[in-house]
Amino acid sequence: MIIPTYKPREYLLECLFSLDRQTMPFPDFEVILVLNGELEPYQSWIEQAIQELKQGFPIIFLKTSLSGVSLARNLALDVARGEYICFVDDDDYISDTYLEDLYSIAKPSIVPLCNPIAFSDNLKIDDNYRITRVYNRLKGFSLLPFYKARKYFSGPCMKLIHKDIIGDRRFDTRFSIGEDSLFMFLISDRFCFVSFSQERAIYYRRVRDGSASTRPRNFREKVKNALRIMRVECLVVIRSPWSYNYYFLLTRLLGAVKTVLYA
């Protein structure tokens, strides 16, 4: 499990406590926590929090004064030893059976997807969360082409990814917006299908004002970034034209165009 964190708050404790409650035996998974950016007083606070975990599962705690979620995830990928990779954001948390349920349906070329629930800081559930709607519509299918659940692939969380799918590919640190979806597109050449977990395997996504994903951007920044993402994705396909799903690429490009038009 890979958890990047930047200037962590109490949300990180909720995340760590949810790992402490996993029904999967602790020797069967490792946690890599990466503190990036300003280190103190956060490093000392995290080390104290780790000591308070009841089960005391092993955590690989990495630190870097360089900031960036992509950089942090890449550092963790470089040292990860597990067969599967699971990404969790530090302000989110997971249900007790999350890992066990996803792993039970995982295969090297099939990406298992969870039941996502979005909520705000006041604990209000967002019933209209776009990925929740996808899960509710498709959860009855045991196996589907991955592009039918493409909204799940705007980011690396809410799923297990076999390490061979990722290989030596990494998040592009040149981007601070859209790097998650770019990474997922890059690795989409090594899997074709998805499966859906039981409803109890829940990824709780916290939506809060001021987070990197909800922070407003100016028009020029949005347009410039969308065009750069489109260019990189097209170059990826040009280099390996028979490896990628063109329908998936088209939806990515249309999404970028929509971003430009409605920026």
Protein backbone atom coordinates (compact mmCIF):
# COMPACT_ATOMS: atom_id res chain seq x y z
CA MET A 1 0.00 0.00 0.00
CA ILE A 2 1.36 3.38 -1.03
CA ILE A 3 0.30 6.53 0.85
CA PRO A 4 1.83 9.90 -0.12
CA THR A 5 1.37 12.67 2.42
CA TYR A 6 2.14 16.39 2.39
CA LYS A 7 1.77 18.49 5.53
CA PRO A 8 -0.52 15.82 6.99
CA ARG A 9 -3.40 16.59 9.30
CA GLU A 10 -5.58 14.41 11.50
CA TYR A 11 -7.01 12.81 8.37
CA LEU A 12 -3.87 10.71 8.11
CA LEU A 13 -4.67 9.09 11.45
CA GLU A 14 -8.05 7.92 10.13
CA CYS A 15 -6.29 6.46 7.12
CA LEU A 16 -3.70 4.61 9.22
CA PHE A 17 -6.30 3.33 11.69
CA SER A 18 -8.30 1.89 8.79
CA LEU A 19 -5.19 -0.05 7.76
CA ASP A 20 -4.79 -1.22 11.34
CA ARG A 21 -8.24 -2.83 11.14
CA GLN A 22 -7.69 -4.80 7.92
CA THR A 23 -8.88 -8.40 7.97
CA MET A 24 -6.02 -9.39 5.70
CA PRO A 25 -3.14 -10.69 7.88
CA PHE A 26 -0.44 -8.06 8.32
CA PRO A 27 2.42 -10.22 7.00
CA ASP A 28 0.52 -10.34 3.69
CA PHE A 29 0.76 -6.61 2.98
CA GLU A 30 3.19 -3.77 3.50
CA VAL A 31 2.53 -0.07 3.94
CA ILE A 32 4.81 2.55 2.40
CA LEU A 33 4.16 6.04 3.75
CA VAL A 34 5.97 8.88 1.97
CA LEU A 35 6.20 12.30 3.62
CA ASN A 36 7.12 14.87 0.99
CA GLY A 37 7.87 18.57 1.26
CA GLU A 38 8.31 20.24 4.64
CA LEU A 39 9.43 17.52 7.06
CA GLU A 40 9.03 19.00 10.54
CA PRO A 41 7.00 18.98 12.68
CA TYR A 42 5.21 16.40 10.54
CA GLN A 43 7.86 13.69 10.68
CA SER A 44 7.84 13.58 14.48
CA TRP A 45 4.05 13.63 14.56
CA ILE A 46 3.82 10.71 12.11
CA GLU A 47 6.39 8.66 14.01
CA GLN A 48 4.37 9.13 17.20
CA ALA A 49 1.15 8.19 15.39
CA ILE A 50 2.73 4.99 14.09
CA GLN A 51 3.58 3.99 17.66
CA GLU A 52 -0.10 4.31 18.62
CA LEU A 53 -1.35 1.74 16.11
CA LYS A 54 -2.78 -1.21 18.01
CA GLN A 55 -1.59 -3.99 15.73
CA GLY A 56 1.79 -2.42 15.10
CA PHE A 57 2.00 -3.54 11.47
CA PRO A 58 5.27 -2.67 9.72
CA ILE A 59 5.40 0.66 7.90
CA ILE A 60 8.18 1.72 5.57
CA PHE A 61 8.38 5.45 6.29
CA LEU A 62 10.13 7.43 3.56
CA LYS A 63 10.92 11.14 3.74
CA THR A 64 11.91 13.70 1.11
CA SER A 65 12.14 17.47 1.33
CA LEU A 66 11.04 17.67 -2.31
CA SER A 67 7.30 18.11 -2.67
CA GLY A 68 4.94 16.45 -5.12
CA VAL A 69 2.50 13.55 -4.96
CA SER A 70 3.94 12.02 -8.14
CA LEU A 71 7.46 12.13 -6.75
CA ALA A 72 6.27 10.54 -3.50
CA ARG A 73 4.46 7.73 -5.28
CA ASN A 74 7.45 7.08 -7.50
CA LEU A 75 9.74 6.76 -4.48
CA ALA A 76 7.37 4.20 -3.00
CA LEU A 77 7.09 2.24 -6.25
CA ASP A 78 10.88 1.98 -6.36
CA VAL A 79 10.97 0.10 -3.04
CA ALA A 80 7.63 -1.76 -3.17
CA ARG A 81 8.01 -5.53 -2.83
CA GLY A 82 4.40 -6.71 -3.06
CA GLU A 83 2.77 -8.59 -5.90
CA TYR A 84 0.04 -5.96 -6.11
CA ILE A 85 0.10 -2.20 -5.61
CA CYS A 86 -2.67 -0.37 -3.75
CA PHE A 87 -2.75 3.43 -3.67
CA VAL A 88 -4.54 5.34 -0.91
CA ASP A 89 -4.59 9.12 -0.45
CA ASP A 90 -3.75 10.32 3.04
CA ASP A 91 -7.10 12.02 3.63
CA ASP A 92 -9.11 8.96 2.57
CA TYR A 93 -9.61 5.62 4.31
CA ILE A 94 -10.80 2.08 3.53
CA SER A 95 -13.22 -0.47 5.00
CA ASP A 96 -11.95 -3.36 7.12
CA THR A 97 -12.23 -6.01 4.38
CA TYR A 98 -10.98 -3.78 1.56
CA LEU A 99 -7.67 -5.52 0.87
CA GLU A 100 -8.93 -9.03 1.48
CA ASP A 101 -11.93 -8.60 -0.81
CA LEU A 102 -10.01 -6.99 -3.66
CA TYR A 103 -7.19 -9.51 -3.47
CA SER A 104 -9.66 -12.40 -3.62
CA ILE A 105 -10.75 -11.37 -7.14
CA ALA A 106 -7.43 -10.01 -8.40
CA LYS A 107 -5.48 -11.53 -11.27
CA PRO A 108 -2.33 -10.33 -13.05
CA SER A 109 -4.23 -9.01 -16.07
CA ILE A 110 -7.51 -8.14 -14.33
CA VAL A 111 -7.87 -5.01 -12.18
CA PRO A 112 -10.33 -5.39 -9.26
CA LEU A 113 -12.41 -2.31 -8.48
CA CYS A 114 -14.01 -1.38 -5.17
CA ASN A 115 -17.19 0.32 -4.01
CA PRO A 116 -16.32 4.05 -3.75
CA ILE A 117 -18.13 6.40 -1.38
CA ALA A 118 -17.44 10.14 -1.39
CA PHE A 119 -18.10 12.34 1.62
CA SER A 120 -17.36 15.87 2.75
CA ASP A 121 -15.74 17.11 5.94
CA ASN A 122 -19.18 17.36 7.56
CA LEU A 123 -19.60 13.61 6.84
CA LYS A 124 -22.33 14.21 4.26
CA ILE A 125 -22.39 11.38 1.69
CA ASP A 126 -22.34 12.39 -1.97
CA ASP A 127 -24.90 10.04 -3.54
CA ASN A 128 -24.18 11.51 -6.96
CA TYR A 129 -20.43 10.83 -6.95
CA ARG A 130 -19.59 9.87 -10.53
CA ILE A 131 -17.58 6.73 -9.72
CA THR A 132 -20.21 5.50 -7.25
CA ARG A 133 -22.73 5.70 -10.08
CA VAL A 134 -20.45 3.56 -12.24
CA TYR A 135 -20.11 0.95 -9.48
CA ASN A 136 -23.86 0.78 -8.88
CA ARG A 137 -24.50 0.35 -12.59
CA LEU A 138 -21.87 -2.33 -13.25
CA LYS A 139 -21.36 -4.20 -9.96
CA GLY A 140 -23.46 -7.13 -11.15
CA PHE A 141 -20.90 -8.02 -13.82
CA SER A 142 -18.09 -10.36 -12.80
CA LEU A 143 -15.86 -9.32 -15.70
CA LEU A 144 -15.93 -6.35 -18.07
CA PRO A 145 -13.62 -4.63 -20.58
CA PHE A 146 -11.84 -1.96 -18.55
CA TYR A 147 -12.94 0.95 -20.75
CA LYS A 148 -16.57 0.39 -19.70
CA ALA A 149 -15.50 1.48 -16.20
CA ARG A 150 -13.16 4.19 -17.50
CA LYS A 151 -14.13 6.75 -14.84
CA TYR A 152 -12.26 4.56 -12.33
CA PHE A 153 -9.09 5.21 -14.31
CA SER A 154 -8.87 8.94 -13.72
CA GLY A 155 -6.63 8.02 -10.79
CA PRO A 156 -4.75 5.10 -9.20
CA CYS A 157 -6.87 4.63 -6.06
CA MET A 158 -9.93 2.39 -5.54
CA LYS A 159 -8.28 -0.67 -7.08
CA LEU A 160 -5.43 -3.18 -6.92
CA ILE A 161 -2.84 -3.10 -9.70
CA HIS A 162 -0.51 -6.01 -10.36
CA LYS A 163 3.10 -4.90 -10.18
CA ASP A 164 3.82 -6.29 -13.67
CA ILE A 165 1.19 -3.95 -15.12
CA ILE A 166 3.16 -0.99 -13.80
CA GLY A 167 6.61 -2.39 -14.52
CA ASP A 168 9.17 0.41 -14.63
CA ARG A 169 6.63 3.08 -15.62
CA ARG A 170 6.24 5.98 -13.21
CA PHE A 171 4.13 9.08 -12.62
CA ASP A 172 5.19 12.04 -14.77
CA THR A 173 6.57 14.62 -12.36
CA ARG A 174 6.36 17.37 -14.99
CA PHE A 175 2.63 17.63 -14.30
CA SER A 176 0.85 18.83 -11.17
CA ILE A 177 -2.63 18.46 -12.69
CA GLY A 178 -3.81 15.37 -14.54
CA GLU A 179 -0.76 13.25 -13.73
CA ASP A 180 -2.95 10.54 -12.20
CA SER A 181 -5.04 10.00 -15.33
CA LEU A 182 -1.92 10.16 -17.50
CA PHE A 183 -0.28 7.41 -15.46
CA MET A 184 -3.37 5.22 -15.66
CA PHE A 185 -3.50 5.68 -19.43
CA LEU A 186 0.20 4.83 -19.70
CA ILE A 187 -0.20 1.48 -17.92
CA SER A 188 -3.50 0.58 -19.62
CA ASP A 189 -1.61 -1.39 -22.28
CA ARG A 190 -1.10 -4.31 -19.87
CA PHE A 191 -4.64 -5.10 -18.76
CA CYS A 192 -7.93 -5.58 -20.59
CA PHE A 193 -10.54 -6.40 -17.96
CA VAL A 194 -11.86 -5.29 -14.59
CA SER A 195 -13.83 -7.12 -11.91
CA PHE A 196 -15.99 -5.64 -9.16
CA SER A 197 -15.70 -6.31 -5.45
CA GLN A 198 -18.42 -6.93 -2.92
CA GLU A 199 -20.15 -3.78 -1.70
CA ARG A 200 -18.40 -4.04 1.67
CA ALA A 201 -14.99 -3.32 0.06
CA ILE A 202 -15.31 0.44 0.34
CA TYR A 203 -12.90 3.24 -0.48
CA TYR A 204 -14.02 6.35 1.41
CA ARG A 205 -12.97 9.40 -0.58
CA ARG A 206 -12.94 12.67 1.32
CA VAL A 207 -13.85 15.73 -0.74
CA ARG A 208 -12.58 18.85 0.94
CA ASP A 209 -12.07 22.46 -0.05
CA GLY A 210 -8.46 23.35 -0.74
CA SER A 211 -7.31 19.87 -1.73
CA ALA A 212 -5.18 19.56 -4.86
CA SER A 213 -8.05 18.01 -6.80
CA THR A 214 -10.66 20.64 -5.87
CA ARG A 215 -8.50 23.80 -5.89
CA PRO A 216 -9.65 26.23 -8.61
CA ARG A 217 -7.28 26.85 -11.52
CA ASN A 218 -7.16 29.83 -13.86
CA PHE A 219 -8.28 29.50 -17.47
CA ARG A 220 -4.84 29.64 -19.05
CA GLU A 221 -3.43 27.03 -16.66
CA LYS A 222 -6.31 24.63 -17.38
CA VAL A 223 -6.01 24.98 -21.15
CA LYS A 224 -2.23 24.66 -21.20
CA ASN A 225 -2.27 21.58 -18.99
CA ALA A 226 -5.07 19.89 -20.96
CA LEU A 227 -3.21 20.38 -24.24
CA ARG A 228 0.03 19.02 -22.75
CA ILE A 229 -1.75 15.94 -21.44
CA MET A 230 -3.34 15.35 -24.86
CA ARG A 231 0.05 15.64 -26.54
CA VAL A 232 1.74 13.15 -24.20
CA GLU A 233 -1.08 10.60 -24.52
CA CYS A 234 -0.94 10.81 -28.31
CA LEU A 235 2.84 10.35 -28.27
CA VAL A 236 2.45 7.28 -26.06
CA VAL A 237 0.10 5.70 -28.59
CA ILE A 238 2.27 6.65 -31.57
CA ARG A 239 5.21 4.84 -29.99
CA SER A 240 3.16 1.68 -29.35
CA PRO A 241 0.19 1.90 -31.74
CA TRP A 242 -1.06 -1.65 -31.22
CA SER A 243 -0.82 -1.71 -27.43
CA TYR A 244 -3.52 0.77 -26.42
CA ASN A 245 -7.30 0.89 -26.62
CA TYR A 246 -8.27 3.63 -29.07
CA TYR A 247 -11.73 4.07 -27.62
CA PHE A 248 -10.14 4.74 -24.23
CA LEU A 249 -7.78 7.25 -25.87
CA LEU A 250 -10.71 8.97 -27.57
CA THR A 251 -12.55 9.39 -24.28
CA ARG A 252 -9.39 10.88 -22.76
CA LEU A 253 -9.01 13.37 -25.60
CA LEU A 254 -12.68 14.33 -25.48
CA GLY A 255 -12.37 14.82 -21.73
CA ALA A 256 -9.41 17.15 -22.27
CA VAL A 257 -11.35 19.10 -24.91
CA LYS A 258 -14.26 19.43 -22.49
CA THR A 259 -11.85 20.79 -19.90
CA VAL A 260 -10.67 23.42 -22.38
CA LEU A 261 -14.19 24.40 -23.47
CA TYR A 262 -15.58 24.71 -19.95
CA ALA A 263 -12.47 26.08 -18.26
